[in-house]
Amino acid sequence: MIHILMSTYNGDRYLTEQLDSIITQTYTDWRLFVRDDGSSDDTIQILESYASKEPRIALIQDEENLGACHSFERLLALSEGADYYAFCDQDDVWKQNKLALSVAAIQQEETQHPDKPIIIHTDLQVVDEQLTEIAPSFWEYGGIHPEILDNNVHYRAICNSVTGCAMLMNNAARKVVLPFPSTVFMHDAWIGIRVLDQGGVIVPTPTPTILYRQHRA
């Protein structure tokens, strides 16, 4: 079972495309937990409509505006009981094999590193607001070298190579990353550093699994 964690904030423009891409995943053993962080547009209405039709979608609503990092922290804290956890942005589109590919990769690593915290993360395809390709590889586009950065905690402290929405982590990783320090700015950077600090491993998978939407300034 995978728990997918999505934090939303005024995301009604692209949210339906992301939700549709989750529902049509070839890997079907998942639940989506969504926490809204104070939207004033139609985000809540869209989420309620999807949740009413899809029993695997659960909405977590409270009154606090936490910001993305700590909204994801709350989702992770509230959604225990899965084998794996995936973070999800509100405006991307997942390729249909995203979860299947990531699960296969992390299970292979678990046979080699039993009981260790493990993170799998994939490359991403960079697209514009209309999903037109900007670059086939986010790693190449951004000059990111996971083979150098991933398993050196000192490098990771100054350059994060793991994009949160492209990450899948096991339950052992979840246990060591909670709670987040109050000073943490980005959840993915903290999770990567903490997993390495606790003897875990981070494994890059070069296949892009997400249409990673970039917005005009």
N, C-alpha and C. Protein backbone atom coordinates (compact mmCIF):
# COMPACT_ATOMS: atom_id res chain seq x y z
N MET A 1 0.84 -1.20 0.00
CA MET A 1 0.00 0.00 0.00
C MET A 1 0.87 1.25 0.00
N ILE A 2 0.54 2.20 -0.87
CA ILE A 2 1.18 3.50 -0.90
C ILE A 2 0.21 4.56 -0.40
N HIS A 3 0.67 5.41 0.49
CA HIS A 3 -0.07 6.60 0.85
C HIS A 3 0.52 7.77 0.08
N ILE A 4 -0.29 8.40 -0.75
CA ILE A 4 0.10 9.57 -1.52
C ILE A 4 -0.35 10.80 -0.74
N LEU A 5 0.55 11.75 -0.54
CA LEU A 5 0.28 12.91 0.29
C LEU A 5 0.32 14.17 -0.57
N MET A 6 -0.81 14.88 -0.63
CA MET A 6 -0.91 16.09 -1.44
C MET A 6 -1.34 17.26 -0.56
N SER A 7 -0.57 18.35 -0.61
CA SER A 7 -0.95 19.59 0.04
C SER A 7 -1.39 20.57 -1.04
N THR A 8 -2.56 21.17 -0.86
CA THR A 8 -3.09 22.08 -1.87
C THR A 8 -3.20 23.50 -1.32
N TYR A 9 -3.09 24.46 -2.24
CA TYR A 9 -3.33 25.86 -1.90
C TYR A 9 -3.65 26.61 -3.18
N ASN A 10 -4.89 27.03 -3.33
CA ASN A 10 -5.34 27.77 -4.51
C ASN A 10 -4.85 27.11 -5.81
N GLY A 11 -5.16 25.83 -5.93
CA GLY A 11 -4.65 25.06 -7.06
C GLY A 11 -5.69 24.65 -8.08
N ASP A 12 -6.81 25.34 -8.13
CA ASP A 12 -7.92 24.84 -8.96
C ASP A 12 -7.61 24.81 -10.45
N ARG A 13 -6.65 25.60 -10.92
CA ARG A 13 -6.40 25.68 -12.35
C ARG A 13 -5.90 24.36 -12.94
N TYR A 14 -5.05 23.65 -12.18
CA TYR A 14 -4.43 22.44 -12.73
C TYR A 14 -4.75 21.18 -11.93
N LEU A 15 -5.51 21.31 -10.87
CA LEU A 15 -5.70 20.21 -9.93
C LEU A 15 -6.36 19.00 -10.56
N THR A 16 -7.34 19.20 -11.43
CA THR A 16 -8.04 18.05 -12.01
C THR A 16 -7.11 17.18 -12.84
N GLU A 17 -6.16 17.80 -13.55
CA GLU A 17 -5.22 17.02 -14.35
C GLU A 17 -4.36 16.14 -13.45
N GLN A 18 -3.92 16.68 -12.32
CA GLN A 18 -3.11 15.88 -11.41
C GLN A 18 -3.92 14.74 -10.79
N LEU A 19 -5.13 15.04 -10.35
CA LEU A 19 -5.96 13.99 -9.76
C LEU A 19 -6.27 12.89 -10.77
N ASP A 20 -6.56 13.26 -11.99
CA ASP A 20 -6.84 12.25 -13.02
C ASP A 20 -5.61 11.37 -13.26
N SER A 21 -4.43 11.96 -13.21
CA SER A 21 -3.22 11.18 -13.47
C SER A 21 -2.91 10.22 -12.33
N ILE A 22 -3.36 10.52 -11.13
CA ILE A 22 -3.22 9.59 -10.01
C ILE A 22 -4.21 8.45 -10.14
N ILE A 23 -5.43 8.78 -10.44
CA ILE A 23 -6.49 7.76 -10.54
C ILE A 23 -6.20 6.75 -11.64
N THR A 24 -5.50 7.16 -12.69
CA THR A 24 -5.22 6.27 -13.82
C THR A 24 -3.86 5.58 -13.72
N GLN A 25 -3.24 5.59 -12.55
CA GLN A 25 -1.97 4.88 -12.38
C GLN A 25 -2.16 3.38 -12.60
N THR A 26 -1.15 2.75 -13.21
CA THR A 26 -1.20 1.31 -13.41
C THR A 26 -1.08 0.55 -12.09
N TYR A 27 -0.41 1.14 -11.12
CA TYR A 27 -0.34 0.58 -9.77
C TYR A 27 -1.54 1.13 -9.00
N THR A 28 -2.37 0.26 -8.49
CA THR A 28 -3.67 0.69 -7.96
C THR A 28 -3.82 0.59 -6.44
N ASP A 29 -2.83 0.04 -5.75
CA ASP A 29 -2.95 -0.14 -4.30
C ASP A 29 -2.44 1.12 -3.59
N TRP A 30 -3.24 2.16 -3.62
CA TRP A 30 -2.86 3.43 -3.02
C TRP A 30 -4.06 4.10 -2.37
N ARG A 31 -3.76 5.03 -1.48
CA ARG A 31 -4.75 5.97 -0.95
C ARG A 31 -4.15 7.36 -1.06
N LEU A 32 -4.96 8.33 -1.43
CA LEU A 32 -4.53 9.71 -1.55
C LEU A 32 -5.10 10.51 -0.38
N PHE A 33 -4.20 11.11 0.40
CA PHE A 33 -4.59 11.98 1.50
C PHE A 33 -4.28 13.42 1.09
N VAL A 34 -5.29 14.26 1.12
CA VAL A 34 -5.13 15.65 0.69
C VAL A 34 -5.44 16.57 1.87
N ARG A 35 -4.52 17.50 2.10
CA ARG A 35 -4.75 18.53 3.10
C ARG A 35 -4.70 19.89 2.42
N ASP A 36 -5.77 20.66 2.53
CA ASP A 36 -5.78 22.00 1.97
C ASP A 36 -5.25 22.99 3.00
N ASP A 37 -4.42 23.94 2.52
CA ASP A 37 -3.72 24.86 3.43
C ASP A 37 -4.34 26.26 3.42
N GLY A 38 -5.65 26.32 3.15
CA GLY A 38 -6.33 27.60 3.24
C GLY A 38 -6.71 28.22 1.92
N SER A 39 -7.11 27.41 0.96
CA SER A 39 -7.45 27.92 -0.37
C SER A 39 -8.68 28.82 -0.34
N SER A 40 -8.68 29.83 -1.24
CA SER A 40 -9.83 30.71 -1.39
C SER A 40 -10.47 30.59 -2.77
N ASP A 41 -9.95 29.67 -3.59
CA ASP A 41 -10.53 29.45 -4.93
C ASP A 41 -11.42 28.21 -4.89
N ASP A 42 -11.53 27.48 -5.98
CA ASP A 42 -12.42 26.32 -6.04
C ASP A 42 -11.72 24.99 -5.71
N THR A 43 -10.55 25.07 -5.11
CA THR A 43 -9.80 23.85 -4.80
C THR A 43 -10.61 22.88 -3.95
N ILE A 44 -11.20 23.35 -2.88
CA ILE A 44 -11.95 22.47 -1.98
C ILE A 44 -13.12 21.81 -2.70
N GLN A 45 -13.82 22.55 -3.51
CA GLN A 45 -14.96 21.99 -4.24
C GLN A 45 -14.51 20.88 -5.20
N ILE A 46 -13.38 21.09 -5.86
CA ILE A 46 -12.85 20.06 -6.75
C ILE A 46 -12.49 18.81 -5.96
N LEU A 47 -11.81 18.99 -4.84
CA LEU A 47 -11.40 17.86 -4.02
C LEU A 47 -12.62 17.09 -3.50
N GLU A 48 -13.62 17.81 -3.05
CA GLU A 48 -14.82 17.14 -2.52
C GLU A 48 -15.54 16.37 -3.62
N SER A 49 -15.54 16.91 -4.82
CA SER A 49 -16.18 16.22 -5.94
C SER A 49 -15.46 14.91 -6.25
N TYR A 50 -14.15 14.95 -6.30
CA TYR A 50 -13.38 13.73 -6.57
C TYR A 50 -13.52 12.72 -5.44
N ALA A 51 -13.45 13.20 -4.19
CA ALA A 51 -13.55 12.29 -3.04
C ALA A 51 -14.90 11.61 -2.97
N SER A 52 -15.93 12.27 -3.45
CA SER A 52 -17.27 11.68 -3.42
C SER A 52 -17.41 10.53 -4.41
N LYS A 53 -16.55 10.50 -5.42
CA LYS A 53 -16.61 9.46 -6.45
C LYS A 53 -15.51 8.41 -6.32
N GLU A 54 -14.41 8.77 -5.64
CA GLU A 54 -13.26 7.88 -5.56
C GLU A 54 -12.96 7.58 -4.08
N PRO A 55 -13.28 6.37 -3.61
CA PRO A 55 -13.13 6.06 -2.19
C PRO A 55 -11.68 6.04 -1.70
N ARG A 56 -10.72 6.01 -2.62
CA ARG A 56 -9.31 6.02 -2.20
C ARG A 56 -8.80 7.42 -1.87
N ILE A 57 -9.64 8.43 -2.05
CA ILE A 57 -9.24 9.81 -1.75
C ILE A 57 -9.85 10.24 -0.42
N ALA A 58 -9.00 10.71 0.48
CA ALA A 58 -9.45 11.19 1.79
C ALA A 58 -8.99 12.63 1.98
N LEU A 59 -9.90 13.48 2.45
CA LEU A 59 -9.60 14.89 2.67
C LEU A 59 -9.35 15.14 4.15
N ILE A 60 -8.27 15.85 4.43
CA ILE A 60 -7.94 16.24 5.80
C ILE A 60 -8.05 17.76 5.86
N GLN A 61 -9.02 18.26 6.60
CA GLN A 61 -9.26 19.69 6.65
C GLN A 61 -9.09 20.21 8.07
N ASP A 62 -8.33 21.27 8.20
CA ASP A 62 -8.24 21.98 9.47
C ASP A 62 -8.10 23.47 9.15
N GLU A 63 -7.95 24.27 10.17
CA GLU A 63 -8.02 25.72 9.98
C GLU A 63 -6.65 26.38 9.86
N GLU A 64 -5.56 25.62 10.02
CA GLU A 64 -4.24 26.24 10.05
C GLU A 64 -3.66 26.40 8.65
N ASN A 65 -2.97 27.51 8.46
CA ASN A 65 -2.15 27.70 7.26
C ASN A 65 -0.71 27.45 7.68
N LEU A 66 -0.15 26.33 7.23
CA LEU A 66 1.16 25.88 7.71
C LEU A 66 2.28 26.15 6.72
N GLY A 67 1.95 26.41 5.46
CA GLY A 67 2.96 26.42 4.42
C GLY A 67 3.20 25.00 3.93
N ALA A 68 3.76 24.88 2.74
CA ALA A 68 3.87 23.57 2.10
C ALA A 68 4.65 22.57 2.93
N CYS A 69 5.81 22.97 3.45
CA CYS A 69 6.68 22.03 4.16
C CYS A 69 5.96 21.38 5.34
N HIS A 70 5.38 22.19 6.20
CA HIS A 70 4.77 21.64 7.42
C HIS A 70 3.36 21.10 7.17
N SER A 71 2.75 21.50 6.06
CA SER A 71 1.52 20.83 5.65
C SER A 71 1.83 19.38 5.25
N PHE A 72 2.92 19.18 4.51
CA PHE A 72 3.33 17.81 4.18
C PHE A 72 3.72 17.04 5.44
N GLU A 73 4.34 17.70 6.38
CA GLU A 73 4.70 17.03 7.64
C GLU A 73 3.44 16.52 8.35
N ARG A 74 2.42 17.36 8.41
CA ARG A 74 1.18 16.94 9.08
C ARG A 74 0.54 15.76 8.35
N LEU A 75 0.54 15.82 7.03
CA LEU A 75 0.01 14.69 6.26
C LEU A 75 0.77 13.41 6.56
N LEU A 76 2.09 13.50 6.61
CA LEU A 76 2.91 12.33 6.88
C LEU A 76 2.64 11.79 8.27
N ALA A 77 2.45 12.67 9.23
CA ALA A 77 2.19 12.25 10.60
C ALA A 77 0.83 11.58 10.75
N LEU A 78 -0.14 12.03 9.97
CA LEU A 78 -1.51 11.53 10.11
C LEU A 78 -1.80 10.29 9.28
N SER A 79 -0.90 9.94 8.36
CA SER A 79 -1.22 8.86 7.40
C SER A 79 -0.36 7.63 7.61
N GLU A 80 -0.23 7.20 8.85
CA GLU A 80 0.58 6.03 9.14
C GLU A 80 -0.11 4.76 8.64
N GLY A 81 0.65 3.67 8.57
CA GLY A 81 0.07 2.37 8.26
C GLY A 81 0.32 1.86 6.86
N ALA A 82 1.04 2.64 6.04
CA ALA A 82 1.33 2.19 4.67
C ALA A 82 2.73 1.56 4.61
N ASP A 83 2.98 0.88 3.51
CA ASP A 83 4.33 0.37 3.25
C ASP A 83 5.24 1.47 2.71
N TYR A 84 4.65 2.35 1.89
CA TYR A 84 5.42 3.38 1.21
C TYR A 84 4.63 4.69 1.21
N TYR A 85 5.39 5.80 1.05
CA TYR A 85 4.80 7.13 1.07
C TYR A 85 5.34 7.94 -0.11
N ALA A 86 4.44 8.66 -0.78
CA ALA A 86 4.81 9.50 -1.92
C ALA A 86 4.22 10.88 -1.72
N PHE A 87 5.00 11.91 -2.03
CA PHE A 87 4.51 13.28 -1.99
C PHE A 87 4.03 13.69 -3.38
N CYS A 88 3.07 14.60 -3.40
CA CYS A 88 2.43 14.96 -4.67
C CYS A 88 2.15 16.45 -4.72
N ASP A 89 2.65 17.12 -5.76
CA ASP A 89 2.30 18.52 -5.98
C ASP A 89 0.91 18.61 -6.62
N GLN A 90 0.31 19.79 -6.56
CA GLN A 90 -1.06 19.95 -7.05
C GLN A 90 -1.14 20.28 -8.53
N ASP A 91 -0.01 20.60 -9.17
CA ASP A 91 -0.08 21.13 -10.53
C ASP A 91 0.70 20.32 -11.56
N ASP A 92 1.23 19.17 -11.17
CA ASP A 92 1.96 18.33 -12.12
C ASP A 92 1.02 17.30 -12.75
N VAL A 93 1.58 16.47 -13.61
CA VAL A 93 0.87 15.32 -14.17
C VAL A 93 1.78 14.11 -14.05
N TRP A 94 1.28 13.06 -13.43
CA TRP A 94 2.07 11.83 -13.27
C TRP A 94 1.91 10.94 -14.50
N LYS A 95 3.03 10.41 -14.98
CA LYS A 95 2.95 9.39 -16.01
C LYS A 95 2.35 8.13 -15.40
N GLN A 96 1.68 7.35 -16.22
CA GLN A 96 0.87 6.25 -15.70
C GLN A 96 1.68 5.20 -14.94
N ASN A 97 2.96 5.09 -15.23
CA ASN A 97 3.77 4.06 -14.58
C ASN A 97 4.57 4.61 -13.40
N LYS A 98 4.29 5.83 -12.97
CA LYS A 98 5.12 6.42 -11.91
C LYS A 98 5.17 5.55 -10.66
N LEU A 99 4.03 5.19 -10.12
CA LEU A 99 4.02 4.41 -8.90
C LEU A 99 4.57 3.00 -9.11
N ALA A 100 4.21 2.38 -10.21
CA ALA A 100 4.67 1.02 -10.48
C ALA A 100 6.19 0.96 -10.59
N LEU A 101 6.76 1.91 -11.31
CA LEU A 101 8.22 1.94 -11.47
C LEU A 101 8.91 2.19 -10.14
N SER A 102 8.38 3.11 -9.35
CA SER A 102 9.01 3.45 -8.07
C SER A 102 8.90 2.31 -7.07
N VAL A 103 7.76 1.64 -7.03
CA VAL A 103 7.60 0.50 -6.12
C VAL A 103 8.57 -0.62 -6.49
N ALA A 104 8.68 -0.93 -7.77
CA ALA A 104 9.61 -1.98 -8.19
C ALA A 104 11.04 -1.64 -7.79
N ALA A 105 11.41 -0.36 -7.94
CA ALA A 105 12.77 0.06 -7.61
C ALA A 105 13.03 -0.01 -6.11
N ILE A 106 12.07 0.43 -5.30
CA ILE A 106 12.32 0.44 -3.86
C ILE A 106 12.28 -0.98 -3.29
N GLN A 107 11.46 -1.83 -3.84
CA GLN A 107 11.43 -3.21 -3.35
C GLN A 107 12.73 -3.94 -3.68
N GLN A 108 13.31 -3.62 -4.81
CA GLN A 108 14.62 -4.21 -5.14
C GLN A 108 15.68 -3.74 -4.14
N GLU A 109 15.64 -2.48 -3.77
CA GLU A 109 16.60 -1.97 -2.79
C GLU A 109 16.37 -2.58 -1.42
N GLU A 110 15.12 -2.86 -1.08
CA GLU A 110 14.83 -3.44 0.24
C GLU A 110 15.39 -4.85 0.37
N THR A 111 15.49 -5.57 -0.73
CA THR A 111 16.11 -6.90 -0.65
C THR A 111 17.61 -6.81 -0.35
N GLN A 112 18.22 -5.69 -0.76
CA GLN A 112 19.65 -5.50 -0.52
C GLN A 112 19.93 -4.78 0.79
N HIS A 113 18.97 -4.00 1.26
CA HIS A 113 19.14 -3.22 2.49
C HIS A 113 17.94 -3.41 3.41
N PRO A 114 17.73 -4.63 3.91
CA PRO A 114 16.56 -4.88 4.75
C PRO A 114 16.58 -4.02 6.00
N ASP A 115 15.41 -3.49 6.33
CA ASP A 115 15.18 -2.70 7.55
C ASP A 115 15.78 -1.30 7.51
N LYS A 116 16.41 -0.92 6.42
CA LYS A 116 16.99 0.42 6.34
C LYS A 116 16.00 1.44 5.81
N PRO A 117 16.12 2.70 6.23
CA PRO A 117 15.34 3.75 5.58
C PRO A 117 15.81 3.91 4.13
N ILE A 118 14.86 3.94 3.21
CA ILE A 118 15.19 4.01 1.79
C ILE A 118 14.32 5.05 1.10
N ILE A 119 14.96 5.84 0.25
CA ILE A 119 14.26 6.77 -0.64
C ILE A 119 14.61 6.41 -2.07
N ILE A 120 13.59 6.28 -2.90
CA ILE A 120 13.75 6.21 -4.35
C ILE A 120 13.30 7.55 -4.92
N HIS A 121 14.05 8.09 -5.88
CA HIS A 121 13.52 9.28 -6.56
C HIS A 121 13.88 9.20 -8.04
N THR A 122 12.98 9.71 -8.85
CA THR A 122 13.13 9.62 -10.30
C THR A 122 13.43 10.98 -10.90
N ASP A 123 13.84 10.94 -12.16
CA ASP A 123 13.98 12.16 -12.94
C ASP A 123 12.57 12.67 -13.30
N LEU A 124 12.52 13.87 -13.85
CA LEU A 124 11.25 14.49 -14.23
C LEU A 124 11.39 15.09 -15.62
N GLN A 125 10.29 15.15 -16.33
CA GLN A 125 10.24 15.83 -17.62
C GLN A 125 9.73 17.25 -17.39
N VAL A 126 10.51 18.24 -17.79
CA VAL A 126 10.16 19.64 -17.53
C VAL A 126 9.22 20.14 -18.63
N VAL A 127 8.09 20.72 -18.21
CA VAL A 127 7.09 21.21 -19.17
C VAL A 127 6.64 22.61 -18.76
N ASP A 128 6.00 23.30 -19.69
CA ASP A 128 5.45 24.62 -19.38
C ASP A 128 4.02 24.48 -18.88
N GLU A 129 3.33 25.59 -18.76
CA GLU A 129 1.98 25.57 -18.20
C GLU A 129 0.99 24.78 -19.06
N GLN A 130 1.27 24.67 -20.36
CA GLN A 130 0.40 23.92 -21.27
C GLN A 130 0.90 22.48 -21.48
N LEU A 131 1.88 22.05 -20.69
CA LEU A 131 2.47 20.70 -20.74
C LEU A 131 3.32 20.49 -21.99
N THR A 132 3.76 21.57 -22.62
CA THR A 132 4.71 21.47 -23.72
C THR A 132 6.11 21.29 -23.15
N GLU A 133 6.85 20.34 -23.71
CA GLU A 133 8.15 20.02 -23.14
C GLU A 133 9.14 21.18 -23.22
N ILE A 134 9.80 21.45 -22.11
CA ILE A 134 10.92 22.38 -22.06
C ILE A 134 12.23 21.61 -22.10
N ALA A 135 12.28 20.50 -21.36
CA ALA A 135 13.48 19.65 -21.33
C ALA A 135 13.06 18.23 -20.96
N PRO A 136 13.67 17.21 -21.59
CA PRO A 136 13.28 15.83 -21.28
C PRO A 136 13.78 15.35 -19.92
N SER A 137 14.78 16.03 -19.36
CA SER A 137 15.35 15.61 -18.09
C SER A 137 15.55 16.81 -17.18
N PHE A 138 14.90 16.81 -16.03
CA PHE A 138 15.09 17.87 -15.05
C PHE A 138 16.51 17.85 -14.49
N TRP A 139 17.07 16.65 -14.34
CA TRP A 139 18.42 16.56 -13.81
C TRP A 139 19.42 17.24 -14.75
N GLU A 140 19.31 16.96 -16.04
CA GLU A 140 20.21 17.61 -16.99
C GLU A 140 19.90 19.11 -17.09
N TYR A 141 18.65 19.45 -17.11
CA TYR A 141 18.21 20.84 -17.22
C TYR A 141 18.73 21.68 -16.06
N GLY A 142 18.72 21.10 -14.87
CA GLY A 142 19.14 21.83 -13.68
C GLY A 142 20.57 21.57 -13.26
N GLY A 143 21.31 20.77 -14.03
CA GLY A 143 22.68 20.46 -13.67
C GLY A 143 22.79 19.67 -12.38
N ILE A 144 21.83 18.78 -12.15
CA ILE A 144 21.78 17.99 -10.92
C ILE A 144 22.45 16.64 -11.16
N HIS A 145 23.29 16.22 -10.22
CA HIS A 145 24.03 14.96 -10.36
C HIS A 145 23.74 14.07 -9.14
N PRO A 146 22.63 13.34 -9.17
CA PRO A 146 22.29 12.51 -8.01
C PRO A 146 23.35 11.47 -7.67
N GLU A 147 24.07 10.98 -8.67
CA GLU A 147 25.09 9.96 -8.41
C GLU A 147 26.20 10.50 -7.51
N ILE A 148 26.37 11.81 -7.48
CA ILE A 148 27.37 12.44 -6.62
C ILE A 148 26.75 12.88 -5.29
N LEU A 149 25.55 13.43 -5.36
CA LEU A 149 24.96 14.10 -4.21
C LEU A 149 24.19 13.17 -3.27
N ASP A 150 23.57 12.14 -3.81
CA ASP A 150 22.55 11.42 -3.05
C ASP A 150 23.03 10.85 -1.72
N ASN A 151 24.18 10.23 -1.69
CA ASN A 151 24.57 9.51 -0.48
C ASN A 151 25.77 10.13 0.22
N ASN A 152 25.91 11.44 0.08
CA ASN A 152 26.91 12.19 0.83
C ASN A 152 26.17 13.27 1.61
N VAL A 153 26.05 13.09 2.90
CA VAL A 153 25.24 14.00 3.71
C VAL A 153 25.79 15.41 3.71
N HIS A 154 27.11 15.56 3.53
CA HIS A 154 27.71 16.88 3.52
C HIS A 154 27.34 17.63 2.24
N TYR A 155 27.36 16.93 1.10
CA TYR A 155 26.92 17.55 -0.14
C TYR A 155 25.44 17.92 -0.08
N ARG A 156 24.65 17.00 0.48
CA ARG A 156 23.20 17.22 0.50
C ARG A 156 22.81 18.40 1.39
N ALA A 157 23.66 18.73 2.33
CA ALA A 157 23.37 19.85 3.20
C ALA A 157 23.39 21.18 2.45
N ILE A 158 24.07 21.22 1.30
CA ILE A 158 24.14 22.47 0.54
C ILE A 158 23.47 22.37 -0.83
N CYS A 159 23.16 21.15 -1.29
CA CYS A 159 22.53 20.99 -2.60
C CYS A 159 21.60 19.79 -2.57
N ASN A 160 20.30 20.04 -2.61
CA ASN A 160 19.32 18.97 -2.55
C ASN A 160 19.11 18.36 -3.93
N SER A 161 19.27 17.06 -4.05
CA SER A 161 19.10 16.38 -5.34
C SER A 161 17.78 15.64 -5.46
N VAL A 162 16.99 15.59 -4.38
CA VAL A 162 15.75 14.83 -4.37
C VAL A 162 14.56 15.78 -4.48
N THR A 163 13.80 15.66 -5.56
CA THR A 163 12.58 16.46 -5.73
C THR A 163 11.43 15.73 -5.04
N GLY A 164 10.75 16.43 -4.12
CA GLY A 164 9.75 15.76 -3.28
C GLY A 164 8.70 15.00 -4.05
N CYS A 165 8.17 15.58 -5.13
CA CYS A 165 7.09 14.92 -5.87
C CYS A 165 7.56 13.70 -6.64
N ALA A 166 8.88 13.53 -6.78
CA ALA A 166 9.43 12.37 -7.49
C ALA A 166 9.93 11.30 -6.54
N MET A 167 9.63 11.45 -5.26
CA MET A 167 10.16 10.59 -4.21
C MET A 167 9.16 9.51 -3.79
N LEU A 168 9.70 8.33 -3.48
CA LEU A 168 8.95 7.28 -2.77
C LEU A 168 9.84 6.81 -1.64
N MET A 169 9.30 6.78 -0.42
CA MET A 169 10.10 6.31 0.71
C MET A 169 9.37 5.21 1.46
N ASN A 170 10.15 4.37 2.12
CA ASN A 170 9.53 3.27 2.84
C ASN A 170 9.17 3.69 4.27
N ASN A 171 8.52 2.80 4.99
CA ASN A 171 8.04 3.12 6.32
C ASN A 171 9.18 3.35 7.29
N ALA A 172 10.31 2.67 7.06
CA ALA A 172 11.48 2.90 7.92
C ALA A 172 11.97 4.33 7.78
N ALA A 173 11.89 4.88 6.57
CA ALA A 173 12.27 6.29 6.38
C ALA A 173 11.30 7.22 7.07
N ARG A 174 10.01 6.93 6.95
CA ARG A 174 9.00 7.77 7.62
C ARG A 174 9.29 7.89 9.11
N LYS A 175 9.65 6.78 9.73
CA LYS A 175 9.85 6.77 11.17
C LYS A 175 11.00 7.67 11.61
N VAL A 176 12.03 7.80 10.79
CA VAL A 176 13.19 8.57 11.23
C VAL A 176 13.10 10.05 10.87
N VAL A 177 12.18 10.45 9.98
CA VAL A 177 12.14 11.85 9.57
C VAL A 177 11.16 12.70 10.39
N LEU A 178 10.24 12.06 11.09
CA LEU A 178 9.28 12.80 11.91
C LEU A 178 9.77 12.95 13.34
N PRO A 179 9.50 14.08 13.98
CA PRO A 179 8.90 15.30 13.42
C PRO A 179 9.94 16.14 12.70
N PHE A 180 9.46 17.08 11.88
CA PHE A 180 10.37 18.02 11.22
C PHE A 180 10.76 19.12 12.22
N PRO A 181 12.00 19.59 12.18
CA PRO A 181 12.34 20.78 12.98
C PRO A 181 11.52 21.98 12.50
N SER A 182 11.23 22.89 13.40
CA SER A 182 10.41 24.05 13.04
C SER A 182 11.11 24.96 12.03
N THR A 183 12.43 24.87 11.97
CA THR A 183 13.20 25.75 11.08
C THR A 183 13.35 25.21 9.67
N VAL A 184 12.88 23.98 9.41
CA VAL A 184 13.04 23.38 8.08
C VAL A 184 12.18 24.14 7.08
N PHE A 185 12.78 24.44 5.90
CA PHE A 185 12.08 25.20 4.88
C PHE A 185 11.44 24.30 3.82
N MET A 186 12.14 23.21 3.46
CA MET A 186 11.62 22.30 2.43
C MET A 186 11.64 20.87 2.95
N HIS A 187 10.53 20.18 2.80
CA HIS A 187 10.40 18.82 3.33
C HIS A 187 11.34 17.84 2.67
N ASP A 188 11.54 17.96 1.34
CA ASP A 188 12.36 16.97 0.65
C ASP A 188 13.83 17.06 1.06
N ALA A 189 14.33 18.28 1.24
CA ALA A 189 15.72 18.44 1.67
C ALA A 189 15.94 17.84 3.05
N TRP A 190 15.01 18.12 3.98
CA TRP A 190 15.13 17.56 5.33
C TRP A 190 15.08 16.05 5.32
N ILE A 191 14.15 15.48 4.57
CA ILE A 191 13.99 14.03 4.55
C ILE A 191 15.25 13.36 4.03
N GLY A 192 15.83 13.91 2.96
CA GLY A 192 17.06 13.32 2.42
C GLY A 192 18.20 13.35 3.41
N ILE A 193 18.41 14.48 4.05
CA ILE A 193 19.50 14.59 5.02
C ILE A 193 19.27 13.66 6.21
N ARG A 194 18.06 13.61 6.69
CA ARG A 194 17.75 12.79 7.87
C ARG A 194 17.91 11.30 7.57
N VAL A 195 17.45 10.87 6.41
CA VAL A 195 17.58 9.45 6.05
C VAL A 195 19.05 9.04 5.98
N LEU A 196 19.87 9.87 5.38
CA LEU A 196 21.30 9.55 5.32
C LEU A 196 21.92 9.56 6.71
N ASP A 197 21.55 10.54 7.52
CA ASP A 197 22.11 10.65 8.87
C ASP A 197 21.76 9.44 9.73
N GLN A 198 20.65 8.77 9.41
CA GLN A 198 20.21 7.60 10.16
C GLN A 198 20.62 6.29 9.49
N GLY A 199 21.59 6.35 8.59
CA GLY A 199 22.13 5.13 7.98
C GLY A 199 21.34 4.60 6.81
N GLY A 200 20.42 5.40 6.27
CA GLY A 200 19.63 4.96 5.14
C GLY A 200 20.31 5.21 3.81
N VAL A 201 19.59 4.90 2.73
CA VAL A 201 20.14 5.06 1.39
C VAL A 201 19.14 5.82 0.52
N ILE A 202 19.69 6.57 -0.43
CA ILE A 202 18.90 7.28 -1.43
C ILE A 202 19.33 6.77 -2.80
N VAL A 203 18.35 6.37 -3.60
CA VAL A 203 18.65 5.73 -4.88
C VAL A 203 17.99 6.49 -6.02
N PRO A 204 18.77 7.03 -6.96
CA PRO A 204 18.18 7.72 -8.11
C PRO A 204 17.74 6.75 -9.19
N THR A 205 16.61 7.02 -9.80
CA THR A 205 16.10 6.25 -10.93
C THR A 205 15.95 7.21 -12.10
N PRO A 206 16.73 7.03 -13.18
CA PRO A 206 16.82 8.08 -14.20
C PRO A 206 15.61 8.22 -15.12
N THR A 207 14.63 7.35 -15.02
CA THR A 207 13.45 7.46 -15.87
C THR A 207 12.54 8.60 -15.40
N PRO A 208 12.20 9.57 -16.24
CA PRO A 208 11.26 10.61 -15.83
C PRO A 208 9.86 10.02 -15.64
N THR A 209 9.23 10.34 -14.53
CA THR A 209 7.90 9.80 -14.23
C THR A 209 6.84 10.88 -14.05
N ILE A 210 7.24 12.13 -14.20
CA ILE A 210 6.34 13.26 -13.93
C ILE A 210 6.50 14.31 -15.02
N LEU A 211 5.39 14.89 -15.45
CA LEU A 211 5.43 16.12 -16.20
C LEU A 211 5.47 17.25 -15.18
N TYR A 212 6.64 17.86 -15.05
CA TYR A 212 6.95 18.80 -13.97
C TYR A 212 6.69 20.21 -14.46
N ARG A 213 5.53 20.74 -14.10
CA ARG A 213 5.06 21.98 -14.68
C ARG A 213 5.80 23.19 -14.10
N GLN A 214 6.30 24.03 -15.00
CA GLN A 214 6.96 25.28 -14.63
C GLN A 214 6.07 26.45 -15.02
N HIS A 215 6.02 27.45 -14.15
CA HIS A 215 5.12 28.57 -14.36
C HIS A 215 5.89 29.84 -14.67
N ARG A 216 5.31 30.67 -15.50
CA ARG A 216 5.90 31.97 -15.79
C ARG A 216 5.89 32.82 -14.52
N ALA A 217 6.93 33.62 -14.36
CA ALA A 217 7.04 34.47 -13.16
C ALA A 217 5.94 35.54 -13.18
